[in-house]
Amino acid sequence: MSQILVPVSAICWVLVMIGAIIIHLRHGDAKPVVGNLIYLALAAFIAWGRFGPESFTG
């Protein structure tokens, strides 16, 4: 079951971080965007690693 839930939650986290970046930029806060980009990259890496052509799970 976790083989499906982990990448799905990572994709949801990517969408949340994209929304957070948009909100921060609209409000003029540039500093938190760096942290959001780091979390976005980590979540995208996990989603790609689980759903990608050569997944981590084998």
N, C-alpha and C. Protein backbone atom coordinates (compact mmCIF):
# COMPACT_ATOMS: atom_id res chain seq x y z
N MET A 1 0.82 -1.19 0.00
CA MET A 1 0.00 0.00 0.00
C MET A 1 0.86 1.26 0.00
N SER A 2 2.00 1.21 0.70
CA SER A 2 2.84 2.41 0.76
C SER A 2 3.54 2.67 -0.57
N GLN A 3 3.58 1.66 -1.45
CA GLN A 3 4.18 1.89 -2.76
C GLN A 3 3.38 2.89 -3.57
N ILE A 4 2.11 3.03 -3.27
CA ILE A 4 1.26 3.99 -3.97
C ILE A 4 1.12 5.29 -3.18
N LEU A 5 1.00 5.18 -1.87
CA LEU A 5 0.73 6.37 -1.06
C LEU A 5 1.90 7.34 -1.00
N VAL A 6 3.11 6.83 -0.97
CA VAL A 6 4.28 7.72 -0.87
C VAL A 6 4.42 8.59 -2.11
N PRO A 7 4.40 8.05 -3.33
CA PRO A 7 4.53 8.95 -4.48
C PRO A 7 3.32 9.86 -4.68
N VAL A 8 2.13 9.39 -4.34
CA VAL A 8 0.95 10.25 -4.47
C VAL A 8 1.05 11.42 -3.50
N SER A 9 1.47 11.15 -2.27
CA SER A 9 1.63 12.24 -1.32
C SER A 9 2.77 13.17 -1.72
N ALA A 10 3.80 12.65 -2.36
CA ALA A 10 4.89 13.51 -2.85
C ALA A 10 4.38 14.43 -3.96
N ILE A 11 3.54 13.93 -4.83
CA ILE A 11 2.98 14.77 -5.89
C ILE A 11 2.07 15.84 -5.28
N CYS A 12 1.29 15.46 -4.28
CA CYS A 12 0.45 16.46 -3.59
C CYS A 12 1.31 17.51 -2.91
N TRP A 13 2.43 17.09 -2.34
CA TRP A 13 3.34 18.03 -1.68
C TRP A 13 3.94 18.99 -2.72
N VAL A 14 4.24 18.50 -3.91
CA VAL A 14 4.74 19.36 -4.98
C VAL A 14 3.71 20.44 -5.30
N LEU A 15 2.44 20.04 -5.40
CA LEU A 15 1.39 21.00 -5.70
C LEU A 15 1.23 22.03 -4.58
N VAL A 16 1.35 21.58 -3.33
CA VAL A 16 1.25 22.50 -2.19
C VAL A 16 2.41 23.51 -2.23
N MET A 17 3.61 23.04 -2.54
CA MET A 17 4.77 23.93 -2.57
C MET A 17 4.67 24.93 -3.72
N ILE A 18 4.11 24.52 -4.85
CA ILE A 18 3.90 25.46 -5.96
C ILE A 18 2.93 26.55 -5.52
N GLY A 19 1.86 26.15 -4.84
CA GLY A 19 0.91 27.12 -4.32
C GLY A 19 1.54 28.05 -3.30
N ALA A 20 2.40 27.50 -2.43
CA ALA A 20 3.06 28.32 -1.42
C ALA A 20 4.00 29.33 -2.07
N ILE A 21 4.70 28.92 -3.11
CA ILE A 21 5.60 29.84 -3.82
C ILE A 21 4.79 30.98 -4.43
N ILE A 22 3.67 30.64 -5.04
CA ILE A 22 2.83 31.68 -5.66
C ILE A 22 2.34 32.66 -4.60
N ILE A 23 1.88 32.15 -3.48
CA ILE A 23 1.37 33.02 -2.41
C ILE A 23 2.47 33.91 -1.86
N HIS A 24 3.66 33.34 -1.61
CA HIS A 24 4.77 34.14 -1.08
C HIS A 24 5.17 35.24 -2.05
N LEU A 25 5.21 34.91 -3.34
CA LEU A 25 5.60 35.93 -4.31
C LEU A 25 4.53 37.02 -4.44
N ARG A 26 3.27 36.66 -4.32
CA ARG A 26 2.21 37.66 -4.37
C ARG A 26 2.28 38.62 -3.19
N HIS A 27 2.70 38.11 -2.04
CA HIS A 27 2.79 38.94 -0.84
C HIS A 27 4.14 39.65 -0.72
N GLY A 28 5.03 39.40 -1.64
CA GLY A 28 6.32 40.09 -1.64
C GLY A 28 7.36 39.48 -0.71
N ASP A 29 7.12 38.27 -0.23
CA ASP A 29 8.09 37.58 0.62
C ASP A 29 8.98 36.70 -0.25
N ALA A 30 10.21 37.11 -0.44
CA ALA A 30 11.11 36.35 -1.30
C ALA A 30 11.91 35.31 -0.52
N LYS A 31 12.18 35.56 0.75
CA LYS A 31 13.03 34.64 1.52
C LYS A 31 12.42 33.24 1.68
N PRO A 32 11.14 33.11 2.00
CA PRO A 32 10.59 31.75 2.17
C PRO A 32 10.54 30.94 0.87
N VAL A 33 10.64 31.60 -0.26
CA VAL A 33 10.58 30.90 -1.54
C VAL A 33 11.76 29.94 -1.68
N VAL A 34 12.90 30.29 -1.14
CA VAL A 34 14.07 29.42 -1.23
C VAL A 34 13.79 28.10 -0.51
N GLY A 35 13.23 28.17 0.67
CA GLY A 35 12.87 26.95 1.40
C GLY A 35 11.81 26.14 0.67
N ASN A 36 10.84 26.84 0.10
CA ASN A 36 9.80 26.14 -0.66
C ASN A 36 10.38 25.43 -1.87
N LEU A 37 11.35 26.05 -2.52
CA LEU A 37 11.98 25.41 -3.68
C LEU A 37 12.76 24.16 -3.27
N ILE A 38 13.37 24.20 -2.10
CA ILE A 38 14.10 23.02 -1.62
C ILE A 38 13.13 21.88 -1.34
N TYR A 39 12.03 22.19 -0.64
CA TYR A 39 11.02 21.17 -0.37
C TYR A 39 10.39 20.66 -1.67
N LEU A 40 10.18 21.56 -2.61
CA LEU A 40 9.63 21.16 -3.91
C LEU A 40 10.56 20.20 -4.62
N ALA A 41 11.86 20.50 -4.62
CA ALA A 41 12.83 19.63 -5.28
C ALA A 41 12.89 18.26 -4.62
N LEU A 42 12.86 18.22 -3.29
CA LEU A 42 12.89 16.93 -2.59
C LEU A 42 11.65 16.10 -2.88
N ALA A 43 10.49 16.73 -2.87
CA ALA A 43 9.26 16.00 -3.15
C ALA A 43 9.22 15.52 -4.60
N ALA A 44 9.69 16.35 -5.52
CA ALA A 44 9.73 15.94 -6.93
C ALA A 44 10.70 14.78 -7.13
N PHE A 45 11.81 14.81 -6.40
CA PHE A 45 12.78 13.71 -6.48
C PHE A 45 12.16 12.41 -5.97
N ILE A 46 11.43 12.48 -4.89
CA ILE A 46 10.78 11.28 -4.35
C ILE A 46 9.72 10.76 -5.32
N ALA A 47 8.90 11.65 -5.86
CA ALA A 47 7.87 11.24 -6.81
C ALA A 47 8.49 10.64 -8.06
N TRP A 48 9.54 11.26 -8.56
CA TRP A 48 10.21 10.74 -9.75
C TRP A 48 10.87 9.40 -9.45
N GLY A 49 11.44 9.28 -8.27
CA GLY A 49 12.10 8.03 -7.91
C GLY A 49 11.14 6.88 -7.72
N ARG A 50 9.91 7.18 -7.34
CA ARG A 50 8.93 6.11 -7.15
C ARG A 50 8.12 5.82 -8.41
N PHE A 51 7.80 6.86 -9.20
CA PHE A 51 6.99 6.68 -10.40
C PHE A 51 7.82 6.62 -11.68
N GLY A 52 9.09 6.98 -11.61
CA GLY A 52 9.93 7.12 -12.80
C GLY A 52 10.19 5.80 -13.51
N PRO A 53 10.90 5.89 -14.63
CA PRO A 53 11.16 4.69 -15.44
C PRO A 53 11.98 3.63 -14.70
N GLU A 54 12.88 4.05 -13.85
CA GLU A 54 13.65 3.12 -13.04
C GLU A 54 13.41 3.47 -11.58
N SER A 55 12.33 2.99 -11.04
CA SER A 55 11.93 3.41 -9.70
C SER A 55 12.85 2.84 -8.64
N PHE A 56 12.86 3.50 -7.48
CA PHE A 56 13.69 3.06 -6.36
C PHE A 56 13.23 1.71 -5.82
N THR A 57 11.94 1.42 -5.95
CA THR A 57 11.39 0.23 -5.33
C THR A 57 11.69 -1.04 -6.09
N GLY A 58 12.12 -0.91 -7.34
CA GLY A 58 12.55 -2.08 -8.10
C GLY A 58 11.49 -2.77 -8.77
